[in-house]
Amino acid sequence: MSDNQQQTLQPILDGLGKALPAAVQAVEDSYGDTVIVIDRKQSHDVFKHLKNAGFNLLLDIAGVDRSGIEHTDRFQLTYVMYAIDSDLRLRVKVNVPEDAMTVPSVSDLWESANWAEREAFDMFGFRFEGHPNLARILNHREFVGHPLRKDYPIMKGQWATTSSDLMPDLEKE
């Protein structure tokens, strides 16, 4: 990240620290992007603050299974955000324990979160509290398990006995 971008981002991070002092657990630099690690329980408040600070585009939500790596929690969500007007990128990481995989939905803040959260639910099992339609999106509705978890058997096959149609989901939007 350039010095100019860092100077633009720093007041936003300072404001976040003042508004929600216990929410930011770490600030890192990774491949030229600023990355913040936030508390899962305060994540919706953090994202609301960041949206109000100009991060008006949520580019992606990615799930990560970190089993086999030393850490505190097995799972993690990474949110990639962009502020169009100031040309700033920010990655936000939320650590998620295996025994409590519920995270507040941000679909009320960014429409793009709707299907991204459904994908993370489908592939990893994250449950987004407050999501309007948390249902499978890539796998068949009868599918059992979450195929991007490291403990999912790679050769496990499953038969589907009914057809799956996304049209009802598309018609709701």
N, C-alpha and C. Protein backbone atom coordinates (compact mmCIF):
# COMPACT_ATOMS: atom_id res chain seq x y z
N MET A 1 0.85 -1.17 0.00
CA MET A 1 0.00 0.00 0.00
C MET A 1 0.89 1.23 0.00
N SER A 2 0.54 2.20 -0.81
CA SER A 2 1.33 3.42 -0.89
C SER A 2 1.18 4.24 0.41
N ASP A 3 2.11 5.14 0.62
CA ASP A 3 2.05 6.00 1.80
C ASP A 3 0.79 6.85 1.80
N ASN A 4 0.38 7.33 0.61
CA ASN A 4 -0.82 8.15 0.50
C ASN A 4 -2.07 7.35 0.90
N GLN A 5 -2.14 6.11 0.43
CA GLN A 5 -3.28 5.27 0.80
C GLN A 5 -3.28 4.98 2.30
N GLN A 6 -2.10 4.73 2.86
CA GLN A 6 -2.00 4.46 4.30
C GLN A 6 -2.43 5.69 5.10
N GLN A 7 -2.07 6.89 4.62
CA GLN A 7 -2.47 8.11 5.31
C GLN A 7 -3.98 8.30 5.25
N THR A 8 -4.61 7.85 4.16
CA THR A 8 -6.06 7.95 4.02
C THR A 8 -6.76 6.91 4.88
N LEU A 9 -6.18 5.72 4.98
CA LEU A 9 -6.79 4.63 5.74
C LEU A 9 -6.61 4.79 7.25
N GLN A 10 -5.51 5.36 7.69
CA GLN A 10 -5.21 5.44 9.12
C GLN A 10 -6.29 6.16 9.93
N PRO A 11 -6.83 7.30 9.47
CA PRO A 11 -7.90 7.93 10.25
C PRO A 11 -9.16 7.05 10.36
N ILE A 12 -9.42 6.25 9.34
CA ILE A 12 -10.57 5.34 9.40
C ILE A 12 -10.33 4.29 10.48
N LEU A 13 -9.12 3.73 10.50
CA LEU A 13 -8.80 2.71 11.51
C LEU A 13 -8.77 3.32 12.91
N ASP A 14 -8.26 4.55 13.02
CA ASP A 14 -8.26 5.23 14.32
C ASP A 14 -9.69 5.46 14.80
N GLY A 15 -10.57 5.90 13.90
CA GLY A 15 -11.97 6.11 14.25
C GLY A 15 -12.65 4.82 14.67
N LEU A 16 -12.31 3.73 13.99
CA LEU A 16 -12.85 2.42 14.36
C LEU A 16 -12.38 2.03 15.75
N GLY A 17 -11.11 2.27 16.04
CA GLY A 17 -10.55 1.96 17.36
C GLY A 17 -11.22 2.76 18.48
N LYS A 18 -11.57 3.99 18.18
CA LYS A 18 -12.25 4.82 19.18
C LYS A 18 -13.71 4.40 19.36
N ALA A 19 -14.38 4.08 18.25
CA ALA A 19 -15.80 3.71 18.32
C ALA A 19 -16.00 2.33 18.92
N LEU A 20 -15.12 1.40 18.59
CA LEU A 20 -15.25 0.01 19.06
C LEU A 20 -13.87 -0.47 19.54
N PRO A 21 -13.43 -0.02 20.70
CA PRO A 21 -12.06 -0.26 21.14
C PRO A 21 -11.67 -1.73 21.28
N ALA A 22 -12.59 -2.60 21.62
CA ALA A 22 -12.23 -4.01 21.81
C ALA A 22 -12.45 -4.85 20.55
N ALA A 23 -12.94 -4.25 19.49
CA ALA A 23 -13.30 -5.03 18.31
C ALA A 23 -12.11 -5.42 17.44
N VAL A 24 -11.12 -4.54 17.33
CA VAL A 24 -9.97 -4.82 16.47
C VAL A 24 -8.91 -5.55 17.29
N GLN A 25 -8.61 -6.78 16.86
CA GLN A 25 -7.66 -7.60 17.60
C GLN A 25 -6.24 -7.50 17.06
N ALA A 26 -6.11 -7.17 15.76
CA ALA A 26 -4.78 -7.05 15.15
C ALA A 26 -4.90 -6.25 13.86
N VAL A 27 -3.80 -5.58 13.51
CA VAL A 27 -3.69 -4.89 12.22
C VAL A 27 -2.40 -5.40 11.59
N GLU A 28 -2.51 -5.86 10.34
CA GLU A 28 -1.38 -6.46 9.65
C GLU A 28 -1.26 -5.87 8.25
N ASP A 29 -0.10 -6.09 7.64
CA ASP A 29 0.10 -5.76 6.23
C ASP A 29 0.36 -7.07 5.50
N SER A 30 -0.39 -7.32 4.45
CA SER A 30 -0.23 -8.57 3.71
C SER A 30 -0.35 -8.30 2.21
N TYR A 31 0.74 -8.53 1.51
CA TYR A 31 0.77 -8.35 0.06
C TYR A 31 0.30 -6.96 -0.36
N GLY A 32 0.69 -5.95 0.40
CA GLY A 32 0.34 -4.58 0.07
C GLY A 32 -1.03 -4.13 0.54
N ASP A 33 -1.79 -5.01 1.14
CA ASP A 33 -3.11 -4.66 1.67
C ASP A 33 -3.04 -4.57 3.19
N THR A 34 -3.82 -3.67 3.75
CA THR A 34 -3.99 -3.63 5.20
C THR A 34 -5.04 -4.67 5.55
N VAL A 35 -4.76 -5.45 6.58
CA VAL A 35 -5.66 -6.50 7.05
C VAL A 35 -5.93 -6.26 8.52
N ILE A 36 -7.20 -6.26 8.88
CA ILE A 36 -7.52 -6.18 10.31
C ILE A 36 -8.23 -7.46 10.71
N VAL A 37 -7.92 -7.91 11.91
CA VAL A 37 -8.57 -9.07 12.50
C VAL A 37 -9.51 -8.53 13.56
N ILE A 38 -10.79 -8.92 13.46
CA ILE A 38 -11.79 -8.35 14.37
C ILE A 38 -12.50 -9.43 15.17
N ASP A 39 -13.12 -9.00 16.24
CA ASP A 39 -13.90 -9.88 17.11
C ASP A 39 -15.19 -10.29 16.40
N ARG A 40 -15.46 -11.58 16.38
CA ARG A 40 -16.63 -12.12 15.69
C ARG A 40 -17.93 -11.53 16.22
N LYS A 41 -18.05 -11.39 17.52
CA LYS A 41 -19.32 -10.92 18.10
C LYS A 41 -19.60 -9.45 17.80
N GLN A 42 -18.57 -8.67 17.52
CA GLN A 42 -18.75 -7.26 17.20
C GLN A 42 -18.62 -6.99 15.70
N SER A 43 -18.56 -8.05 14.91
CA SER A 43 -18.25 -7.87 13.49
C SER A 43 -19.28 -7.01 12.75
N HIS A 44 -20.57 -7.17 13.04
CA HIS A 44 -21.56 -6.37 12.32
C HIS A 44 -21.36 -4.88 12.60
N ASP A 45 -21.08 -4.53 13.84
CA ASP A 45 -20.83 -3.13 14.19
C ASP A 45 -19.59 -2.60 13.48
N VAL A 46 -18.55 -3.43 13.38
CA VAL A 46 -17.33 -3.02 12.66
C VAL A 46 -17.64 -2.77 11.20
N PHE A 47 -18.36 -3.69 10.57
CA PHE A 47 -18.67 -3.54 9.15
C PHE A 47 -19.58 -2.34 8.89
N LYS A 48 -20.49 -2.09 9.79
CA LYS A 48 -21.35 -0.91 9.64
C LYS A 48 -20.51 0.37 9.72
N HIS A 49 -19.57 0.40 10.65
CA HIS A 49 -18.68 1.54 10.78
C HIS A 49 -17.84 1.72 9.51
N LEU A 50 -17.31 0.63 8.99
CA LEU A 50 -16.48 0.71 7.78
C LEU A 50 -17.29 1.14 6.57
N LYS A 51 -18.51 0.69 6.47
CA LYS A 51 -19.35 1.12 5.35
C LYS A 51 -19.62 2.62 5.45
N ASN A 52 -19.93 3.09 6.64
CA ASN A 52 -20.17 4.52 6.85
C ASN A 52 -18.91 5.34 6.60
N ALA A 53 -17.74 4.71 6.74
CA ALA A 53 -16.47 5.40 6.52
C ALA A 53 -16.06 5.40 5.04
N GLY A 54 -16.89 4.78 4.18
CA GLY A 54 -16.61 4.85 2.75
C GLY A 54 -16.37 3.54 2.05
N PHE A 55 -16.31 2.44 2.78
CA PHE A 55 -16.12 1.14 2.13
C PHE A 55 -17.48 0.66 1.61
N ASN A 56 -17.79 1.15 0.42
CA ASN A 56 -19.13 0.94 -0.14
C ASN A 56 -19.24 -0.27 -1.04
N LEU A 57 -18.17 -1.05 -1.18
CA LEU A 57 -18.21 -2.23 -2.04
C LEU A 57 -17.61 -3.42 -1.30
N LEU A 58 -18.40 -4.45 -1.11
CA LEU A 58 -17.91 -5.71 -0.56
C LEU A 58 -17.61 -6.61 -1.75
N LEU A 59 -16.34 -6.89 -1.99
CA LEU A 59 -15.93 -7.65 -3.16
C LEU A 59 -16.10 -9.15 -2.98
N ASP A 60 -15.80 -9.67 -1.78
CA ASP A 60 -15.83 -11.11 -1.59
C ASP A 60 -15.84 -11.46 -0.12
N ILE A 61 -16.34 -12.64 0.15
CA ILE A 61 -16.24 -13.26 1.48
C ILE A 61 -15.69 -14.65 1.23
N ALA A 62 -14.57 -14.97 1.85
CA ALA A 62 -13.94 -16.26 1.63
C ALA A 62 -13.81 -17.00 2.96
N GLY A 63 -14.19 -18.27 2.96
CA GLY A 63 -14.01 -19.11 4.12
C GLY A 63 -12.66 -19.81 4.06
N VAL A 64 -12.09 -20.09 5.23
CA VAL A 64 -10.81 -20.78 5.31
C VAL A 64 -10.90 -21.82 6.42
N ASP A 65 -10.46 -23.04 6.11
CA ASP A 65 -10.33 -24.09 7.11
C ASP A 65 -8.85 -24.17 7.45
N ARG A 66 -8.49 -23.76 8.67
CA ARG A 66 -7.09 -23.69 9.06
C ARG A 66 -6.67 -24.88 9.93
N SER A 67 -7.36 -26.02 9.82
CA SER A 67 -6.97 -27.17 10.62
C SER A 67 -5.55 -27.61 10.24
N GLY A 68 -4.81 -28.01 11.23
CA GLY A 68 -3.43 -28.41 11.02
C GLY A 68 -2.45 -27.26 11.11
N ILE A 69 -2.94 -26.06 11.32
CA ILE A 69 -2.09 -24.88 11.46
C ILE A 69 -2.27 -24.36 12.88
N GLU A 70 -1.17 -23.97 13.51
CA GLU A 70 -1.28 -23.45 14.88
C GLU A 70 -2.05 -22.13 14.86
N HIS A 71 -3.08 -22.07 15.64
CA HIS A 71 -3.94 -20.89 15.71
C HIS A 71 -4.92 -21.07 16.86
N THR A 72 -5.77 -20.12 17.05
CA THR A 72 -6.74 -20.24 18.12
C THR A 72 -8.06 -20.85 17.65
N ASP A 73 -8.46 -20.57 16.42
CA ASP A 73 -9.72 -21.08 15.91
C ASP A 73 -9.50 -21.80 14.58
N ARG A 74 -10.26 -22.86 14.35
CA ARG A 74 -10.09 -23.65 13.13
C ARG A 74 -10.50 -22.88 11.88
N PHE A 75 -11.57 -22.11 11.95
CA PHE A 75 -12.11 -21.47 10.76
C PHE A 75 -11.90 -19.96 10.80
N GLN A 76 -11.93 -19.40 9.60
CA GLN A 76 -11.78 -17.95 9.47
C GLN A 76 -12.57 -17.48 8.24
N LEU A 77 -13.15 -16.31 8.35
CA LEU A 77 -13.78 -15.65 7.21
C LEU A 77 -12.94 -14.43 6.86
N THR A 78 -12.72 -14.23 5.57
CA THR A 78 -12.00 -13.05 5.10
C THR A 78 -12.92 -12.25 4.20
N TYR A 79 -13.12 -11.00 4.54
CA TYR A 79 -13.96 -10.08 3.78
C TYR A 79 -13.03 -9.14 3.02
N VAL A 80 -13.24 -8.99 1.72
CA VAL A 80 -12.44 -8.09 0.91
C VAL A 80 -13.33 -6.89 0.58
N MET A 81 -12.87 -5.70 1.01
CA MET A 81 -13.69 -4.50 0.88
C MET A 81 -12.94 -3.45 0.08
N TYR A 82 -13.72 -2.57 -0.56
CA TYR A 82 -13.14 -1.53 -1.39
C TYR A 82 -13.92 -0.23 -1.21
N ALA A 83 -13.19 0.87 -1.11
CA ALA A 83 -13.79 2.20 -1.05
C ALA A 83 -13.57 2.83 -2.42
N ILE A 84 -14.63 2.95 -3.18
CA ILE A 84 -14.52 3.43 -4.56
C ILE A 84 -13.97 4.85 -4.62
N ASP A 85 -14.51 5.75 -3.83
CA ASP A 85 -14.12 7.16 -3.91
C ASP A 85 -12.66 7.40 -3.55
N SER A 86 -12.14 6.66 -2.57
CA SER A 86 -10.76 6.88 -2.14
C SER A 86 -9.79 5.82 -2.65
N ASP A 87 -10.29 4.87 -3.45
CA ASP A 87 -9.46 3.81 -4.04
C ASP A 87 -8.67 3.04 -2.97
N LEU A 88 -9.37 2.66 -1.89
CA LEU A 88 -8.75 1.91 -0.79
C LEU A 88 -9.29 0.49 -0.75
N ARG A 89 -8.39 -0.44 -0.48
CA ARG A 89 -8.77 -1.83 -0.24
C ARG A 89 -8.50 -2.15 1.22
N LEU A 90 -9.32 -3.03 1.76
CA LEU A 90 -9.14 -3.47 3.13
C LEU A 90 -9.62 -4.91 3.23
N ARG A 91 -8.81 -5.74 3.87
CA ARG A 91 -9.26 -7.10 4.16
C ARG A 91 -9.55 -7.20 5.65
N VAL A 92 -10.67 -7.82 5.95
CA VAL A 92 -11.09 -7.98 7.34
C VAL A 92 -11.23 -9.47 7.61
N LYS A 93 -10.52 -9.94 8.64
CA LYS A 93 -10.57 -11.36 9.00
C LYS A 93 -11.34 -11.53 10.30
N VAL A 94 -12.16 -12.58 10.32
CA VAL A 94 -12.94 -12.92 11.50
C VAL A 94 -12.65 -14.38 11.83
N ASN A 95 -12.07 -14.62 12.99
CA ASN A 95 -11.81 -15.99 13.43
C ASN A 95 -13.10 -16.59 13.98
N VAL A 96 -13.34 -17.85 13.61
CA VAL A 96 -14.60 -18.50 13.96
C VAL A 96 -14.29 -19.87 14.57
N PRO A 97 -14.67 -20.10 15.83
CA PRO A 97 -14.42 -21.41 16.44
C PRO A 97 -15.32 -22.48 15.85
N GLU A 98 -14.81 -23.68 15.79
CA GLU A 98 -15.54 -24.80 15.21
C GLU A 98 -16.84 -25.11 15.95
N ASP A 99 -16.86 -24.89 17.25
CA ASP A 99 -18.05 -25.22 18.04
C ASP A 99 -19.08 -24.09 18.09
N ALA A 100 -18.80 -22.97 17.42
CA ALA A 100 -19.74 -21.84 17.39
C ALA A 100 -19.58 -21.10 16.06
N MET A 101 -20.07 -21.70 14.99
CA MET A 101 -19.81 -21.16 13.65
C MET A 101 -20.84 -20.12 13.20
N THR A 102 -21.42 -19.41 14.15
CA THR A 102 -22.39 -18.38 13.82
C THR A 102 -21.71 -17.01 13.78
N VAL A 103 -21.99 -16.28 12.70
CA VAL A 103 -21.43 -14.96 12.47
C VAL A 103 -22.58 -14.05 12.04
N PRO A 104 -22.62 -12.80 12.49
CA PRO A 104 -23.69 -11.91 12.02
C PRO A 104 -23.60 -11.68 10.50
N SER A 105 -24.74 -11.73 9.85
CA SER A 105 -24.79 -11.46 8.41
C SER A 105 -24.55 -9.98 8.15
N VAL A 106 -23.92 -9.69 7.01
CA VAL A 106 -23.77 -8.30 6.57
C VAL A 106 -24.58 -8.05 5.30
N SER A 107 -25.50 -8.95 5.01
CA SER A 107 -26.33 -8.80 3.81
C SER A 107 -27.26 -7.59 3.90
N ASP A 108 -27.49 -7.09 5.11
CA ASP A 108 -28.27 -5.86 5.26
C ASP A 108 -27.45 -4.62 4.92
N LEU A 109 -26.12 -4.76 4.90
CA LEU A 109 -25.24 -3.64 4.58
C LEU A 109 -24.83 -3.62 3.11
N TRP A 110 -24.54 -4.79 2.56
CA TRP A 110 -24.15 -4.91 1.16
C TRP A 110 -24.94 -6.05 0.52
N GLU A 111 -25.61 -5.78 -0.57
CA GLU A 111 -26.35 -6.82 -1.27
C GLU A 111 -25.44 -7.94 -1.76
N SER A 112 -24.20 -7.61 -2.09
CA SER A 112 -23.27 -8.62 -2.59
C SER A 112 -22.96 -9.69 -1.55
N ALA A 113 -23.25 -9.41 -0.28
CA ALA A 113 -22.99 -10.40 0.77
C ALA A 113 -23.98 -11.56 0.72
N ASN A 114 -25.15 -11.34 0.13
CA ASN A 114 -26.20 -12.36 0.14
C ASN A 114 -25.69 -13.70 -0.38
N TRP A 115 -25.24 -13.73 -1.62
CA TRP A 115 -24.83 -15.01 -2.19
C TRP A 115 -23.44 -15.43 -1.73
N ALA A 116 -22.58 -14.48 -1.38
CA ALA A 116 -21.26 -14.83 -0.85
C ALA A 116 -21.39 -15.55 0.49
N GLU A 117 -22.32 -15.09 1.33
CA GLU A 117 -22.55 -15.77 2.61
C GLU A 117 -23.16 -17.15 2.37
N ARG A 118 -24.03 -17.27 1.40
CA ARG A 118 -24.61 -18.58 1.09
C ARG A 118 -23.52 -19.55 0.64
N GLU A 119 -22.58 -19.06 -0.14
CA GLU A 119 -21.48 -19.93 -0.59
C GLU A 119 -20.64 -20.40 0.60
N ALA A 120 -20.30 -19.48 1.51
CA ALA A 120 -19.51 -19.85 2.69
C ALA A 120 -20.28 -20.82 3.59
N PHE A 121 -21.59 -20.65 3.67
CA PHE A 121 -22.43 -21.59 4.41
C PHE A 121 -22.39 -22.96 3.75
N ASP A 122 -22.59 -23.00 2.45
CA ASP A 122 -22.66 -24.25 1.71
C ASP A 122 -21.34 -25.02 1.76
N MET A 123 -20.25 -24.34 1.52
CA MET A 123 -18.97 -25.01 1.38
C MET A 123 -18.25 -25.30 2.71
N PHE A 124 -18.52 -24.47 3.75
CA PHE A 124 -17.82 -24.62 5.02
C PHE A 124 -18.73 -24.85 6.22
N GLY A 125 -19.97 -24.39 6.16
CA GLY A 125 -20.88 -24.55 7.28
C GLY A 125 -21.02 -23.32 8.16
N PHE A 126 -20.51 -22.16 7.74
CA PHE A 126 -20.71 -20.94 8.52
C PHE A 126 -22.20 -20.61 8.54
N ARG A 127 -22.70 -20.19 9.68
CA ARG A 127 -24.11 -19.80 9.80
C ARG A 127 -24.16 -18.29 10.00
N PHE A 128 -24.83 -17.61 9.09
CA PHE A 128 -24.88 -16.15 9.13
C PHE A 128 -26.21 -15.72 9.73
N GLU A 129 -26.14 -15.29 10.98
CA GLU A 129 -27.32 -14.89 11.73
C GLU A 129 -27.94 -13.64 11.10
N GLY A 130 -29.23 -13.73 10.78
CA GLY A 130 -29.93 -12.62 10.17
C GLY A 130 -29.96 -12.66 8.65
N HIS A 131 -29.38 -13.69 8.05
CA HIS A 131 -29.39 -13.80 6.59
C HIS A 131 -30.81 -14.10 6.11
N PRO A 132 -31.28 -13.46 5.04
CA PRO A 132 -32.67 -13.63 4.61
C PRO A 132 -33.00 -15.00 3.99
N ASN A 133 -31.99 -15.73 3.49
CA ASN A 133 -32.27 -17.02 2.84
C ASN A 133 -31.02 -17.89 2.85
N LEU A 134 -30.62 -18.33 4.01
CA LEU A 134 -29.39 -19.12 4.14
C LEU A 134 -29.67 -20.56 3.69
N ALA A 135 -29.43 -20.81 2.42
CA ALA A 135 -29.66 -22.13 1.83
C ALA A 135 -28.49 -22.44 0.92
N ARG A 136 -28.35 -23.72 0.60
CA ARG A 136 -27.28 -24.13 -0.30
C ARG A 136 -27.39 -23.40 -1.63
N ILE A 137 -26.22 -23.15 -2.23
CA ILE A 137 -26.20 -22.42 -3.49
C ILE A 137 -25.37 -23.15 -4.55
N LEU A 138 -24.32 -23.87 -4.17
CA LEU A 138 -23.48 -24.58 -5.12
C LEU A 138 -23.73 -26.08 -5.11
N ASN A 139 -24.04 -26.62 -3.95
CA ASN A 139 -24.32 -28.04 -3.84
C ASN A 139 -25.82 -28.28 -3.87
N HIS A 140 -26.17 -29.50 -4.17
CA HIS A 140 -27.57 -29.89 -4.19
C HIS A 140 -28.16 -29.74 -2.79
N ARG A 141 -29.43 -29.43 -2.73
CA ARG A 141 -30.10 -29.20 -1.42
C ARG A 141 -30.05 -30.43 -0.51
N GLU A 142 -29.93 -31.62 -1.10
CA GLU A 142 -29.85 -32.85 -0.30
C GLU A 142 -28.43 -33.17 0.15
N PHE A 143 -27.46 -32.41 -0.31
CA PHE A 143 -26.05 -32.68 -0.01
C PHE A 143 -25.83 -32.64 1.50
N VAL A 144 -25.05 -33.59 1.99
CA VAL A 144 -24.74 -33.66 3.42
C VAL A 144 -23.26 -33.35 3.60
N GLY A 145 -22.97 -32.38 4.42
CA GLY A 145 -21.58 -32.01 4.68
C GLY A 145 -21.20 -30.71 4.03
N HIS A 146 -19.91 -30.39 4.14
CA HIS A 146 -19.38 -29.14 3.61
C HIS A 146 -18.05 -29.48 2.91
N PRO A 147 -18.05 -29.50 1.58
CA PRO A 147 -16.93 -30.08 0.84
C PRO A 147 -15.60 -29.34 0.89
N LEU A 148 -15.53 -28.10 1.32
CA LEU A 148 -14.24 -27.43 1.40
C LEU A 148 -13.60 -27.52 2.78
N ARG A 149 -14.24 -28.24 3.68
CA ARG A 149 -13.58 -28.52 4.96
C ARG A 149 -12.51 -29.57 4.72
N LYS A 150 -11.40 -29.43 5.39
CA LYS A 150 -10.28 -30.34 5.17
C LYS A 150 -10.58 -31.78 5.59
N ASP A 151 -11.54 -31.95 6.48
CA ASP A 151 -11.86 -33.31 6.92
C ASP A 151 -12.97 -33.96 6.08
N TYR A 152 -13.46 -33.30 5.04
CA TYR A 152 -14.48 -33.90 4.18
C TYR A 152 -13.78 -34.90 3.25
N PRO A 153 -14.28 -36.14 3.18
CA PRO A 153 -13.65 -37.16 2.34
C PRO A 153 -13.66 -36.75 0.86
N ILE A 154 -12.49 -36.66 0.25
CA ILE A 154 -12.37 -36.14 -1.10
C ILE A 154 -13.09 -37.00 -2.14
N MET A 155 -13.22 -38.27 -1.91
CA MET A 155 -13.85 -39.16 -2.89
C MET A 155 -15.28 -39.53 -2.50
N LYS A 156 -15.84 -38.86 -1.52
CA LYS A 156 -17.19 -39.18 -1.09
C LYS A 156 -18.20 -38.77 -2.15
N GLY A 157 -18.97 -39.70 -2.63
CA GLY A 157 -20.01 -39.40 -3.60
C GLY A 157 -21.38 -39.40 -2.94
N GLN A 158 -22.29 -38.61 -3.48
CA GLN A 158 -23.63 -38.55 -2.93
C GLN A 158 -24.63 -38.51 -4.08
N TRP A 159 -25.67 -39.32 -3.94
CA TRP A 159 -26.73 -39.34 -4.95
C TRP A 159 -27.79 -38.31 -4.60
N ALA A 160 -28.27 -37.63 -5.62
CA ALA A 160 -29.39 -36.71 -5.45
C ALA A 160 -30.64 -37.39 -5.99
N THR A 161 -31.73 -37.35 -5.23
CA THR A 161 -32.96 -38.02 -5.66
C THR A 161 -34.00 -37.05 -6.20
N THR A 162 -33.74 -35.75 -6.07
CA THR A 162 -34.67 -34.76 -6.60
C THR A 162 -33.89 -33.73 -7.41
N SER A 163 -34.59 -33.00 -8.24
CA SER A 163 -33.93 -31.93 -8.99
C SER A 163 -33.83 -30.70 -8.10
N SER A 164 -32.86 -29.84 -8.40
CA SER A 164 -32.65 -28.64 -7.63
C SER A 164 -32.78 -27.44 -8.56
N ASP A 165 -33.58 -26.47 -8.17
CA ASP A 165 -33.87 -25.33 -9.02
C ASP A 165 -33.59 -24.04 -8.25
N LEU A 166 -32.79 -23.15 -8.83
CA LEU A 166 -32.49 -21.87 -8.19
C LEU A 166 -33.48 -20.77 -8.55
N MET A 167 -34.42 -21.06 -9.43
CA MET A 167 -35.36 -20.02 -9.86
C MET A 167 -36.15 -19.39 -8.71
N PRO A 168 -36.63 -20.16 -7.73
CA PRO A 168 -37.32 -19.49 -6.62
C PRO A 168 -36.44 -18.47 -5.89
N ASP A 169 -35.13 -18.76 -5.77
CA ASP A 169 -34.23 -17.82 -5.14
C ASP A 169 -34.07 -16.56 -5.98
N LEU A 170 -34.00 -16.72 -7.28
CA LEU A 170 -33.83 -15.58 -8.16
C LEU A 170 -35.08 -14.71 -8.20
N GLU A 171 -36.23 -15.33 -8.10
CA GLU A 171 -37.48 -14.59 -8.15
C GLU A 171 -37.72 -13.76 -6.89
N LYS A 172 -37.10 -14.15 -5.75
CA LYS A 172 -37.28 -13.41 -4.50
C LYS A 172 -36.56 -12.07 -4.54
N GLU A 173 -35.52 -11.98 -5.35
CA GLU A 173 -34.69 -10.76 -5.35
C GLU A 173 -35.24 -9.80 -6.30
